[in-house]
């Protein structure tokens, strides 16, 4: 009986020692990182100069952690840098493996940046984390990672021209009459004086190369309807009471919308100019051919320019009550 107990005790003791021995030689497994990711600037296959930004979270950081790129990635250099919580990290590398050596780092996020690689061919690749902590990051490389978006903007233009008391961004009328009244040798009859209408031109256009506003005079003068040989001539000159002349000038009333994109620059294309509410001024004579008045060099929203019509007579200007001219305005955009 004693011998049997002794043998049993010996077996129990041997089993216990064996268990202790196995426990002593079994290595502790590395903790697994969490929230691991590698953000690439491009996922396209064979794309060069692709940057990587690696982050993962550890429960402690007291020994070296390695981040190894899949062999499919080809390094293009760069200056690797790493950060940790509460300390600093030195980075060295052996080929595609980057060694992160901590100094007084604690639990938290670890980052690795400054890495530039050429992507491999299309497929799924695995980068590995090893050392004090372990983990993997899967990276899909695809044949193309970009989508082209296209659109077309159709040409668009609106134009208003008409006789009105004033001209501004809200003008929307068309046509009408500038009635200069009864002319006398002692005064210049003019738009914006004594309630005579001005001509307002207003333009909106998305023409990339700009828009031109032109005018064409039917009679190239103020001509009598009943006596076609009698006319008030038109010439480019300073207006003077007592000297027969008729013409147009660009008023100082000009501008464009400020509540929407204002667009290009407005440019006067006739040399003459005049001032609102003033009869005097220099006019451009109408010729019977198309004449450029003003233009804008790009797209514009609600651009406007006011024109004055002026006339004067001499003591020998024939008396008629039917002097007239028709002005045709055209806006032409270059798209």
C-alpha atoms as a PDB file:
ATOM      1  CA  UNK A   1       0.000   0.000   0.000  1.00  0.00           C
ATOM      2  CA  UNK A   2       2.816   2.362   0.899  1.00  0.00           C
ATOM      3  CA  UNK A   3       4.641   1.636  -2.336  1.00  0.00           C
ATOM      4  CA  UNK A   4       1.507   2.368  -4.369  1.00  0.00           C
ATOM      5  CA  UNK A   5       1.032   5.754  -2.610  1.00  0.00           C
ATOM      6  CA  UNK A   6       4.677   6.568  -3.175  1.00  0.00           C
ATOM      7  CA  UNK A   7       4.397   5.854  -6.893  1.00  0.00           C
ATOM      8  CA  UNK A   8       1.222   8.012  -7.139  1.00  0.00           C
ATOM      9  CA  UNK A   9       2.884  10.921  -5.360  1.00  0.00           C
ATOM     10  CA  UNK A  10       5.837  10.633  -7.683  1.00  0.00           C
ATOM     11  CA  UNK A  11       3.584  10.850 -10.769  1.00  0.00           C
ATOM     12  CA  UNK A  12       1.734  13.919  -9.399  1.00  0.00           C
ATOM     13  CA  UNK A  13       5.022  15.637  -8.604  1.00  0.00           C
ATOM     14  CA  UNK A  14       6.416  14.877 -12.070  1.00  0.00           C
ATOM     15  CA  UNK A  15       3.264  16.208 -13.773  1.00  0.00           C
ATOM     16  CA  UNK A  16       3.393  19.398 -11.679  1.00  0.00           C
ATOM     17  CA  UNK A  17       7.036  19.994 -12.532  1.00  0.00           C
ATOM     18  CA  UNK A  18       6.334  19.409 -16.219  1.00  0.00           C
ATOM     19  CA  UNK A  19       3.454  21.905 -16.135  1.00  0.00           C
ATOM     20  CA  UNK A  20       5.637  24.488 -14.384  1.00  0.00           C
ATOM     21  CA  UNK A  21       8.372  23.911 -16.936  1.00  0.00           C
ATOM     22  CA  UNK A  22       6.015  24.440 -19.867  1.00  0.00           C
ATOM     23  CA  UNK A  23       4.647  27.611 -18.284  1.00  0.00           C
ATOM     24  CA  UNK A  24       8.156  28.928 -17.869  1.00  0.00           C
ATOM     25  CA  UNK A  25       9.148  28.515 -21.532  1.00  0.00           C
ATOM     26  CA  UNK A  26       5.910  29.685 -23.210  1.00  0.00           C
ATOM     27  CA  UNK A  27       6.603  33.232 -24.516  1.00  0.00           C
ATOM     28  CA  UNK A  28       4.144  36.087 -23.836  1.00  0.00           C
ATOM     29  CA  UNK A  29       2.310  37.098 -27.022  1.00  0.00           C
ATOM     30  CA  UNK A  30       2.564  40.725 -28.264  1.00  0.00           C
ATOM     31  CA  UNK A  31      -0.472  42.912 -27.657  1.00  0.00           C
ATOM     32  CA  UNK A  32      -2.545  43.674 -30.744  1.00  0.00           C
ATOM     33  CA  UNK A  33      -2.795  47.277 -31.896  1.00  0.00           C
ATOM     34  CA  UNK A  34      -6.194  48.875 -32.431  1.00  0.00           C
ATOM     35  CA  UNK A  35      -7.494  51.552 -34.795  1.00  0.00           C
ATOM     36  CA  UNK A  36      -4.724  50.811 -37.287  1.00  0.00           C
ATOM     37  CA  UNK A  37      -4.795  52.423 -40.728  1.00  0.00           C
ATOM     38  CA  UNK A  38      -2.497  53.487 -43.543  1.00  0.00           C
ATOM     39  CA  UNK A  39      -3.904  56.423 -45.525  1.00  0.00           C
ATOM     40  CA  UNK A  40      -2.482  56.685 -49.047  1.00  0.00           C
ATOM     41  CA  UNK A  41      -2.617  59.778 -51.233  1.00  0.00           C
ATOM     42  CA  UNK A  42      -3.461  57.568 -54.238  1.00  0.00           C
ATOM     43  CA  UNK A  43      -4.617  53.958 -54.680  1.00  0.00           C
ATOM     44  CA  UNK A  44      -3.931  53.698 -58.405  1.00  0.00           C
ATOM     45  CA  UNK A  45      -1.713  50.831 -59.520  1.00  0.00           C
ATOM     46  CA  UNK A  46       1.869  51.847 -60.390  1.00  0.00           C
ATOM     47  CA  UNK A  47       1.230  55.396 -59.182  1.00  0.00           C
ATOM     48  CA  UNK A  48       4.446  57.117 -58.142  1.00  0.00           C
ATOM     49  CA  UNK A  49       5.103  59.564 -55.289  1.00  0.00           C
ATOM     50  CA  UNK A  50       2.307  58.135 -53.151  1.00  0.00           C
ATOM     51  CA  UNK A  51       2.469  59.318 -49.539  1.00  0.00           C
ATOM     52  CA  UNK A  52       1.511  57.127 -46.588  1.00  0.00           C
ATOM     53  CA  UNK A  53       0.191  58.270 -43.223  1.00  0.00           C
ATOM     54  CA  UNK A  54       0.128  55.412 -40.708  1.00  0.00           C
ATOM     55  CA  UNK A  55      -1.680  55.493 -37.353  1.00  0.00           C
ATOM     56  CA  UNK A  56      -2.431  52.865 -34.725  1.00  0.00           C
ATOM     57  CA  UNK A  57      -3.205  52.761 -31.021  1.00  0.00           C
ATOM     58  CA  UNK A  58      -1.185  50.827 -28.413  1.00  0.00           C
ATOM     59  CA  UNK A  59      -1.777  49.952 -24.758  1.00  0.00           C
ATOM     60  CA  UNK A  60       1.877  50.702 -23.970  1.00  0.00           C
ATOM     61  CA  UNK A  61       4.988  51.739 -25.884  1.00  0.00           C
ATOM     62  CA  UNK A  62       8.228  50.849 -24.134  1.00  0.00           C
ATOM     63  CA  UNK A  63      10.005  48.768 -26.778  1.00  0.00           C
ATOM     64  CA  UNK A  64      10.575  48.900 -30.533  1.00  0.00           C
ATOM     65  CA  UNK A  65       7.615  48.508 -32.879  1.00  0.00           C
ATOM     66  CA  UNK A  66       8.254  47.703 -36.551  1.00  0.00           C
ATOM     67  CA  UNK A  67       6.048  48.759 -39.449  1.00  0.00           C
ATOM     68  CA  UNK A  68       6.821  46.706 -42.580  1.00  0.00           C
ATOM     69  CA  UNK A  69       5.510  47.489 -46.037  1.00  0.00           C
ATOM     70  CA  UNK A  70       4.470  44.683 -48.328  1.00  0.00           C
ATOM     71  CA  UNK A  71       7.283  43.855 -50.756  1.00  0.00           C
ATOM     72  CA  UNK A  72       5.077  45.055 -53.632  1.00  0.00           C
ATOM     73  CA  UNK A  73       5.573  48.688 -52.601  1.00  0.00           C
ATOM     74  CA  UNK A  74       8.716  50.384 -53.903  1.00  0.00           C
ATOM     75  CA  UNK A  75      10.209  53.068 -51.679  1.00  0.00           C
ATOM     76  CA  UNK A  76      10.870  56.490 -53.154  1.00  0.00           C
ATOM     77  CA  UNK A  77      12.497  57.811 -50.026  1.00  0.00           C
ATOM     78  CA  UNK A  78      11.116  60.670 -48.006  1.00  0.00           C
ATOM     79  CA  UNK A  79      11.897  61.657 -44.435  1.00  0.00           C
ATOM     80  CA  UNK A  80      10.133  59.319 -42.023  1.00  0.00           C
ATOM     81  CA  UNK A  81       8.869  60.770 -38.749  1.00  0.00           C
ATOM     82  CA  UNK A  82       6.840  59.303 -35.907  1.00  0.00           C
ATOM     83  CA  UNK A  83       4.982  60.555 -32.843  1.00  0.00           C
ATOM     84  CA  UNK A  84       3.611  58.965 -29.710  1.00  0.00           C
ATOM     85  CA  UNK A  85       1.693  59.985 -26.613  1.00  0.00           C
ATOM     86  CA  UNK A  86       3.830  61.622 -23.963  1.00  0.00           C
ATOM     87  CA  UNK A  87       7.249  61.105 -25.523  1.00  0.00           C
ATOM     88  CA  UNK A  88       9.317  60.966 -28.682  1.00  0.00           C
ATOM     89  CA  UNK A  89      10.001  58.332 -31.327  1.00  0.00           C
ATOM     90  CA  UNK A  90      13.168  57.758 -33.336  1.00  0.00           C
ATOM     91  CA  UNK A  91      12.723  56.144 -36.764  1.00  0.00           C
ATOM     92  CA  UNK A  92      15.197  54.029 -38.693  1.00  0.00           C
ATOM     93  CA  UNK A  93      14.565  51.597 -41.471  1.00  0.00           C
ATOM     94  CA  UNK A  94      15.846  48.405 -42.995  1.00  0.00           C
ATOM     95  CA  UNK A  95      14.504  48.305 -46.543  1.00  0.00           C
ATOM     96  CA  UNK A  96      10.718  48.534 -46.349  1.00  0.00           C
ATOM     97  CA  UNK A  97      10.663  47.968 -42.578  1.00  0.00           C
ATOM     98  CA  UNK A  98      10.582  51.028 -40.334  1.00  0.00           C
ATOM     99  CA  UNK A  99      11.717  50.676 -36.719  1.00  0.00           C
ATOM    100  CA  UNK A 100       9.967  52.910 -34.190  1.00  0.00           C
ATOM    101  CA  UNK A 101      12.082  53.306 -31.058  1.00  0.00           C
ATOM    102  CA  UNK A 102      10.234  55.055 -28.183  1.00  0.00           C
ATOM    103  CA  UNK A 103      11.454  57.362 -25.453  1.00  0.00           C
ATOM    104  CA  UNK A 104       9.064  57.830 -22.505  1.00  0.00           C
ATOM    105  CA  UNK A 105       6.048  57.017 -24.674  1.00  0.00           C
ATOM    106  CA  UNK A 106       2.812  55.852 -23.056  1.00  0.00           C
ATOM    107  CA  UNK A 107      -0.415  54.240 -24.184  1.00  0.00           C
ATOM    108  CA  UNK A 108      -2.194  56.002 -27.024  1.00  0.00           C
ATOM    109  CA  UNK A 109      -1.929  56.811 -30.690  1.00  0.00           C
ATOM    110  CA  UNK A 110       1.268  56.276 -32.694  1.00  0.00           C
ATOM    111  CA  UNK A 111       1.773  57.921 -36.083  1.00  0.00           C
ATOM    112  CA  UNK A 112       4.278  57.337 -38.862  1.00  0.00           C
ATOM    113  CA  UNK A 113       4.513  59.825 -41.737  1.00  0.00           C
ATOM    114  CA  UNK A 114       6.931  61.121 -44.366  1.00  0.00           C
ATOM    115  CA  UNK A 115       6.931  57.910 -46.399  1.00  0.00           C
ATOM    116  CA  UNK A 116       6.771  57.967 -50.205  1.00  0.00           C
ATOM    117  CA  UNK A 117       6.301  54.824 -52.289  1.00  0.00           C
ATOM    118  CA  UNK A 118       5.375  53.649 -55.762  1.00  0.00           C
ATOM    119  CA  UNK A 119       2.241  51.519 -55.711  1.00  0.00           C
ATOM    120  CA  UNK A 120       2.353  47.896 -56.894  1.00  0.00           C
ATOM    121  CA  UNK A 121      -0.001  46.375 -59.466  1.00  0.00           C
ATOM    122  CA  UNK A 122      -3.714  46.040 -58.684  1.00  0.00           C
ATOM    123  CA  UNK A 123      -4.515  43.740 -55.790  1.00  0.00           C
ATOM    124  CA  UNK A 124      -4.785  43.643 -51.993  1.00  0.00           C
ATOM    125  CA  UNK A 125      -1.583  44.070 -49.995  1.00  0.00           C
ATOM    126  CA  UNK A 126      -0.805  43.654 -46.300  1.00  0.00           C
ATOM    127  CA  UNK A 127       1.510  45.818 -44.241  1.00  0.00           C
ATOM    128  CA  UNK A 128       2.466  44.368 -40.862  1.00  0.00           C
ATOM    129  CA  UNK A 129       3.097  45.715 -37.370  1.00  0.00           C
ATOM    130  CA  UNK A 130       5.402  43.671 -35.135  1.00  0.00           C
ATOM    131  CA  UNK A 131       7.646  43.965 -32.098  1.00  0.00           C
ATOM    132  CA  UNK A 132       6.114  45.023 -28.787  1.00  0.00           C
ATOM    133  CA  UNK A 133       2.760  45.121 -30.535  1.00  0.00           C
ATOM    134  CA  UNK A 134       1.381  43.347 -33.586  1.00  0.00           C
ATOM    135  CA  UNK A 135      -1.216  43.946 -36.238  1.00  0.00           C
ATOM    136  CA  UNK A 136      -1.875  44.192 -39.956  1.00  0.00           C
ATOM    137  CA  UNK A 137      -3.153  46.811 -42.373  1.00  0.00           C
ATOM    138  CA  UNK A 138      -4.776  45.757 -45.641  1.00  0.00           C
ATOM    139  CA  UNK A 139      -4.402  48.115 -48.607  1.00  0.00           C
ATOM    140  CA  UNK A 140      -6.400  47.720 -51.829  1.00  0.00           C
ATOM    141  CA  UNK A 141      -4.554  48.864 -54.949  1.00  0.00           C
ATOM    142  CA  UNK A 142      -6.867  49.408 -57.920  1.00  0.00           C
ATOM    143  CA  UNK A 143      -6.441  50.012 -61.635  1.00  0.00           C
ATOM    144  CA  UNK A 144      -7.757  53.575 -61.438  1.00  0.00           C
ATOM    145  CA  UNK A 145      -8.810  55.717 -58.495  1.00  0.00           C
ATOM    146  CA  UNK A 146     -10.052  58.836 -60.266  1.00  0.00           C
ATOM    147  CA  UNK A 147     -13.363  59.793 -61.881  1.00  0.00           C
ATOM    148  CA  UNK A 148     -13.492  62.654 -64.360  1.00  0.00           C
ATOM    149  CA  UNK A 149     -16.418  65.048 -64.021  1.00  0.00           C
ATOM    150  CA  UNK A 150     -17.371  67.070 -67.112  1.00  0.00           C
ATOM    151  CA  UNK A 151     -19.949  69.767 -67.755  1.00  0.00           C
ATOM    152  CA  UNK A 152     -20.996  72.158 -70.490  1.00  0.00           C
ATOM    153  CA  UNK A 153     -22.146  75.740 -70.028  1.00  0.00           C
ATOM    154  CA  UNK A 154     -24.180  77.030 -72.949  1.00  0.00           C
ATOM    155  CA  UNK A 155     -23.631  80.535 -74.325  1.00  0.00           C
ATOM    156  CA  UNK A 156     -25.973  83.013 -72.705  1.00  0.00           C
ATOM    157  CA  UNK A 157     -26.552  86.696 -73.352  1.00  0.00           C
ATOM    158  CA  UNK A 158     -29.284  89.254 -72.689  1.00  0.00           C
ATOM    159  CA  UNK A 159     -29.370  92.837 -73.945  1.00  0.00           C
ATOM    160  CA  UNK A 160     -31.731  95.743 -73.391  1.00  0.00           C
ATOM    161  CA  UNK A 161     -31.647  99.136 -75.109  1.00  0.00           C
ATOM    162  CA  UNK A 162     -34.214 101.861 -74.895  1.00  0.00           C
ATOM    163  CA  UNK A 163     -35.118 105.455 -74.164  1.00  0.00           C
ATOM    164  CA  UNK A 164     -35.586 106.196 -70.487  1.00  0.00           C
ATOM    165  CA  UNK A 165     -35.291 109.016 -67.978  1.00  0.00           C
ATOM    166  CA  UNK A 166     -32.211 107.412 -66.401  1.00  0.00           C
ATOM    167  CA  UNK A 167     -30.042 104.329 -66.792  1.00  0.00           C
ATOM    168  CA  UNK A 168     -29.128 101.865 -64.071  1.00  0.00           C
ATOM    169  CA  UNK A 169     -28.664  98.177 -63.338  1.00  0.00           C
ATOM    170  CA  UNK A 170     -32.426  97.605 -63.104  1.00  0.00           C
ATOM    171  CA  UNK A 171     -33.255  99.005 -66.548  1.00  0.00           C
ATOM    172  CA  UNK A 172     -35.222  96.467 -68.586  1.00  0.00           C
ATOM    173  CA  UNK A 173     -37.099  98.429 -71.253  1.00  0.00           C
ATOM    174  CA  UNK A 174     -36.625  98.317 -75.012  1.00  0.00           C
ATOM    175  CA  UNK A 175     -37.141 100.837 -77.810  1.00  0.00           C
ATOM    176  CA  UNK A 176     -38.791 104.199 -77.327  1.00  0.00           C
ATOM    177  CA  UNK A 177     -38.066 107.740 -78.455  1.00  0.00           C
ATOM    178  CA  UNK A 178     -35.606 110.471 -77.576  1.00  0.00           C
ATOM    179  CA  UNK A 179     -37.615 113.636 -78.306  1.00  0.00           C
ATOM    180  CA  UNK A 180     -35.180 116.550 -78.542  1.00  0.00           C
ATOM    181  CA  UNK A 181     -38.025 119.039 -78.875  1.00  0.00           C
ATOM    182  CA  UNK A 182     -37.871 122.333 -80.727  1.00  0.00           C
ATOM    183  CA  UNK A 183     -34.288 123.248 -81.509  1.00  0.00           C
ATOM    184  CA  UNK A 184     -33.006 126.827 -81.306  1.00  0.00           C
ATOM    185  CA  UNK A 185     -29.781 128.590 -82.164  1.00  0.00           C
ATOM    186  CA  UNK A 186     -29.334 129.725 -78.603  1.00  0.00           C
ATOM    187  CA  UNK A 187     -29.031 126.292 -76.918  1.00  0.00           C
ATOM    188  CA  UNK A 188     -27.943 122.704 -77.280  1.00  0.00           C
ATOM    189  CA  UNK A 189     -30.769 120.209 -77.018  1.00  0.00           C
ATOM    190  CA  UNK A 190     -29.587 117.194 -75.025  1.00  0.00           C
ATOM    191  CA  UNK A 191     -30.576 114.007 -73.284  1.00  0.00           C
ATOM    192  CA  UNK A 192     -30.749 114.239 -69.453  1.00  0.00           C
ATOM    193  CA  UNK A 193     -31.607 117.958 -69.753  1.00  0.00           C
ATOM    194  CA  UNK A 194     -35.175 119.356 -69.579  1.00  0.00           C
ATOM    195  CA  UNK A 195     -36.667 115.841 -69.216  1.00  0.00           C
ATOM    196  CA  UNK A 196     -35.219 114.576 -72.509  1.00  0.00           C
ATOM    197  CA  UNK A 197     -34.707 110.812 -72.380  1.00  0.00           C
ATOM    198  CA  UNK A 198     -31.299 109.179 -72.425  1.00  0.00           C
ATOM    199  CA  UNK A 199     -30.555 105.870 -74.160  1.00  0.00           C
ATOM    200  CA  UNK A 200     -29.827 103.070 -71.744  1.00  0.00           C
ATOM    201  CA  UNK A 201     -27.888  99.995 -72.843  1.00  0.00           C
ATOM    202  CA  UNK A 202     -27.749  97.035 -70.450  1.00  0.00           C
ATOM    203  CA  UNK A 203     -25.931  93.730 -70.981  1.00  0.00           C
ATOM    204  CA  UNK A 204     -25.468  90.351 -69.310  1.00  0.00           C
ATOM    205  CA  UNK A 205     -23.258  87.794 -71.024  1.00  0.00           C
ATOM    206  CA  UNK A 206     -21.059  84.780 -70.288  1.00  0.00           C
ATOM    207  CA  UNK A 207     -18.981  85.307 -73.436  1.00  0.00           C
ATOM    208  CA  UNK A 208     -15.466  84.415 -72.357  1.00  0.00           C
ATOM    209  CA  UNK A 209     -13.835  86.751 -74.878  1.00  0.00           C
ATOM    210  CA  UNK A 210     -16.201  89.613 -74.198  1.00  0.00           C
ATOM    211  CA  UNK A 211     -19.091  91.435 -75.821  1.00  0.00           C
ATOM    212  CA  UNK A 212     -19.232  94.482 -78.101  1.00  0.00           C
ATOM    213  CA  UNK A 213     -22.119  96.990 -78.210  1.00  0.00           C
ATOM    214  CA  UNK A 214     -22.487  98.784 -81.561  1.00  0.00           C
ATOM    215  CA  UNK A 215     -24.825 101.311 -83.148  1.00  0.00           C
ATOM    216  CA  UNK A 216     -25.937 101.899 -86.742  1.00  0.00           C
ATOM    217  CA  UNK A 217     -27.551 105.188 -87.810  1.00  0.00           C
ATOM    218  CA  UNK A 218     -30.108 104.978 -90.597  1.00  0.00           C
ATOM    219  CA  UNK A 219     -29.686 108.561 -91.853  1.00  0.00           C
ATOM    220  CA  UNK A 220     -26.174 109.475 -90.635  1.00  0.00           C
ATOM    221  CA  UNK A 221     -27.825 112.766 -89.625  1.00  0.00           C
ATOM    222  CA  UNK A 222     -31.145 114.180 -88.452  1.00  0.00           C
ATOM    223  CA  UNK A 223     -32.985 114.207 -91.778  1.00  0.00           C
ATOM    224  CA  UNK A 224     -36.318 115.766 -92.673  1.00  0.00           C
ATOM    225  CA  UNK A 225     -38.888 113.187 -93.677  1.00  0.00           C
ATOM    226  CA  UNK A 226     -40.715 115.590 -95.967  1.00  0.00           C
ATOM    227  CA  UNK A 227     -37.605 117.166 -97.488  1.00  0.00           C
ATOM    228  CA  UNK A 228     -34.946 114.488 -97.680  1.00  0.00           C
ATOM    229  CA  UNK A 229     -32.260 116.898 -98.844  1.00  0.00           C
ATOM    230  CA  UNK A 230     -32.580 118.915 -95.646  1.00  0.00           C
ATOM    231  CA  UNK A 231     -30.694 117.577 -92.624  1.00  0.00           C
ATOM    232  CA  UNK A 232     -28.805 118.470 -89.481  1.00  0.00           C
ATOM    233  CA  UNK A 233     -25.315 117.038 -90.106  1.00  0.00           C
ATOM    234  CA  UNK A 234     -23.450 114.742 -87.747  1.00  0.00           C
ATOM    235  CA  UNK A 235     -19.772 115.123 -86.915  1.00  0.00           C
ATOM    236  CA  UNK A 236     -17.420 114.262 -84.077  1.00  0.00           C
ATOM    237  CA  UNK A 237     -16.935 117.578 -82.329  1.00  0.00           C
ATOM    238  CA  UNK A 238     -17.605 119.630 -79.225  1.00  0.00           C
ATOM    239  CA  UNK A 239     -21.209 120.776 -79.277  1.00  0.00           C
ATOM    240  CA  UNK A 240     -21.798 124.511 -79.599  1.00  0.00           C
ATOM    241  CA  UNK A 241     -25.034 126.487 -79.614  1.00  0.00           C
ATOM    242  CA  UNK A 242     -25.529 128.072 -83.016  1.00  0.00           C
ATOM    243  CA  UNK A 243     -23.472 125.442 -84.874  1.00  0.00           C
ATOM    244  CA  UNK A 244     -25.499 122.711 -86.568  1.00  0.00           C
ATOM    245  CA  UNK A 245     -24.498 119.249 -85.357  1.00  0.00           C
ATOM    246  CA  UNK A 246     -25.958 115.987 -84.086  1.00  0.00           C
ATOM    247  CA  UNK A 247     -24.281 113.054 -82.362  1.00  0.00           C
ATOM    248  CA  UNK A 248     -23.926 110.653 -79.455  1.00  0.00           C
ATOM    249  CA  UNK A 249     -21.744 110.552 -76.353  1.00  0.00           C
ATOM    250  CA  UNK A 250     -21.239 108.091 -73.527  1.00  0.00           C
ATOM    251  CA  UNK A 251     -22.563 109.529 -70.282  1.00  0.00           C
ATOM    252  CA  UNK A 252     -20.805 109.146 -66.936  1.00  0.00           C
ATOM    253  CA  UNK A 253     -23.683 106.925 -65.803  1.00  0.00           C
ATOM    254  CA  UNK A 254     -22.099 103.483 -66.074  1.00  0.00           C
ATOM    255  CA  UNK A 255     -21.631 100.376 -63.955  1.00  0.00           C
ATOM    256  CA  UNK A 256     -22.511  96.756 -63.369  1.00  0.00           C
ATOM    257  CA  UNK A 257     -24.301  94.634 -60.817  1.00  0.00           C
ATOM    258  CA  UNK A 258     -22.583  94.322 -57.451  1.00  0.00           C
ATOM    259  CA  UNK A 259     -24.963  91.700 -56.039  1.00  0.00           C
ATOM    260  CA  UNK A 260     -23.868  88.949 -58.425  1.00  0.00           C
ATOM    261  CA  UNK A 261     -20.483  88.228 -60.044  1.00  0.00           C
ATOM    262  CA  UNK A 262     -19.624  91.545 -61.698  1.00  0.00           C
ATOM    263  CA  UNK A 263     -17.387  90.181 -64.430  1.00  0.00           C
ATOM    264  CA  UNK A 264     -15.195  91.950 -66.940  1.00  0.00           C
ATOM    265  CA  UNK A 265     -14.051  95.519 -67.422  1.00  0.00           C
ATOM    266  CA  UNK A 266     -16.197  98.013 -69.343  1.00  0.00           C
ATOM    267  CA  UNK A 267     -14.355 100.033 -71.998  1.00  0.00           C
ATOM    268  CA  UNK A 268     -15.534 103.024 -74.026  1.00  0.00           C
ATOM    269  CA  UNK A 269     -14.830 102.596 -77.736  1.00  0.00           C
ATOM    270  CA  UNK A 270     -15.735 106.129 -78.809  1.00  0.00           C
ATOM    271  CA  UNK A 271     -13.611 109.089 -77.781  1.00  0.00           C
ATOM    272  CA  UNK A 272     -16.472 111.377 -76.882  1.00  0.00           C
ATOM    273  CA  UNK A 273     -17.931 111.643 -73.405  1.00  0.00           C
ATOM    274  CA  UNK A 274     -20.450 113.800 -71.620  1.00  0.00           C
ATOM    275  CA  UNK A 275     -21.814 114.440 -68.147  1.00  0.00           C
ATOM    276  CA  UNK A 276     -25.272 113.658 -66.825  1.00  0.00           C
ATOM    277  CA  UNK A 277     -27.658 116.642 -66.743  1.00  0.00           C
ATOM    278  CA  UNK A 278     -25.252 118.818 -68.792  1.00  0.00           C
ATOM    279  CA  UNK A 279     -26.006 119.902 -72.365  1.00  0.00           C
ATOM    280  CA  UNK A 280     -22.423 120.671 -73.330  1.00  0.00           C
ATOM    281  CA  UNK A 281     -20.035 117.927 -74.345  1.00  0.00           C
ATOM    282  CA  UNK A 282     -18.172 116.296 -77.187  1.00  0.00           C
ATOM    283  CA  UNK A 283     -20.100 113.903 -79.392  1.00  0.00           C
ATOM    284  CA  UNK A 284     -19.244 111.200 -81.878  1.00  0.00           C
ATOM    285  CA  UNK A 285     -20.867 111.762 -85.245  1.00  0.00           C
ATOM    286  CA  UNK A 286     -22.932 108.935 -86.703  1.00  0.00           C
ATOM    287  CA  UNK A 287     -21.703 107.722 -90.071  1.00  0.00           C
ATOM    288  CA  UNK A 288     -24.288 105.337 -91.454  1.00  0.00           C
ATOM    289  CA  UNK A 289     -21.894 102.434 -90.809  1.00  0.00           C
ATOM    290  CA  UNK A 290     -21.684 100.221 -87.743  1.00  0.00           C
ATOM    291  CA  UNK A 291     -19.824 101.995 -84.934  1.00  0.00           C
ATOM    292  CA  UNK A 292     -18.415 100.465 -81.746  1.00  0.00           C
ATOM    293  CA  UNK A 293     -19.784 102.166 -78.643  1.00  0.00           C
ATOM    294  CA  UNK A 294     -18.547 100.185 -75.655  1.00  0.00           C
ATOM    295  CA  UNK A 295     -17.418  96.701 -74.780  1.00  0.00           C
ATOM    296  CA  UNK A 296     -16.658  94.349 -71.937  1.00  0.00           C
ATOM    297  CA  UNK A 297     -13.654  92.015 -72.075  1.00  0.00           C
ATOM    298  CA  UNK A 298     -15.210  88.969 -70.385  1.00  0.00           C
ATOM    299  CA  UNK A 299     -18.469  87.678 -68.988  1.00  0.00           C
ATOM    300  CA  UNK A 300     -20.478  90.238 -67.057  1.00  0.00           C
ATOM    301  CA  UNK A 301     -23.728  90.547 -65.136  1.00  0.00           C
ATOM    302  CA  UNK A 302     -26.008  93.525 -65.700  1.00  0.00           C
ATOM    303  CA  UNK A 303     -23.450  95.934 -67.141  1.00  0.00           C
ATOM    304  CA  UNK A 304     -24.968  99.228 -68.208  1.00  0.00           C
ATOM    305  CA  UNK A 305     -23.894 102.435 -69.936  1.00  0.00           C
ATOM    306  CA  UNK A 306     -25.977 105.538 -70.541  1.00  0.00           C
ATOM    307  CA  UNK A 307     -25.786 107.457 -73.827  1.00  0.00           C
ATOM    308  CA  UNK A 308     -26.825 111.028 -74.551  1.00  0.00           C
ATOM    309  CA  UNK A 309     -28.156 112.335 -77.839  1.00  0.00           C
ATOM    310  CA  UNK A 310     -27.343 115.982 -78.601  1.00  0.00           C
ATOM    311  CA  UNK A 311     -28.341 118.349 -81.386  1.00  0.00           C
ATOM    312  CA  UNK A 312     -27.840 122.010 -82.246  1.00  0.00           C
ATOM    313  CA  UNK A 313     -28.759 124.166 -85.227  1.00  0.00           C
ATOM    314  CA  UNK A 314     -27.473 127.207 -87.046  1.00  0.00           C
ATOM    315  CA  UNK A 315     -29.485 130.176 -88.205  1.00  0.00           C
ATOM    316  CA  UNK A 316     -29.784 128.647 -91.683  1.00  0.00           C
ATOM    317  CA  UNK A 317     -31.010 125.191 -90.721  1.00  0.00           C
ATOM    318  CA  UNK A 318     -34.230 124.651 -92.738  1.00  0.00           C
ATOM    319  CA  UNK A 319     -37.431 124.751 -90.725  1.00  0.00           C
ATOM    320  CA  UNK A 320     -39.220 121.395 -90.511  1.00  0.00           C
ATOM    321  CA  UNK A 321     -41.045 119.525 -87.772  1.00  0.00           C
ATOM    322  CA  UNK A 322     -40.011 116.061 -88.944  1.00  0.00           C
ATOM    323  CA  UNK A 323     -36.250 115.715 -88.429  1.00  0.00           C
ATOM    324  CA  UNK A 324     -35.531 112.122 -87.496  1.00  0.00           C
ATOM    325  CA  UNK A 325     -32.979 109.329 -87.336  1.00  0.00           C
ATOM    326  CA  UNK A 326     -33.234 105.694 -86.308  1.00  0.00           C
ATOM    327  CA  UNK A 327     -30.454 104.131 -84.255  1.00  0.00           C
ATOM    328  CA  UNK A 328     -30.057 100.354 -84.275  1.00  0.00           C
ATOM    329  CA  UNK A 329     -28.077  98.837 -81.386  1.00  0.00           C
ATOM    330  CA  UNK A 330     -26.458  95.410 -81.524  1.00  0.00           C
ATOM    331  CA  UNK A 331     -24.676  93.401 -78.817  1.00  0.00           C
ATOM    332  CA  UNK A 332     -22.276  90.728 -80.123  1.00  0.00           C
ATOM    333  CA  UNK A 333     -20.601  88.232 -77.828  1.00  0.00           C
ATOM    334  CA  UNK A 334     -17.442  86.290 -78.620  1.00  0.00           C
ATOM    335  CA  UNK A 335     -17.761  82.909 -76.929  1.00  0.00           C
END
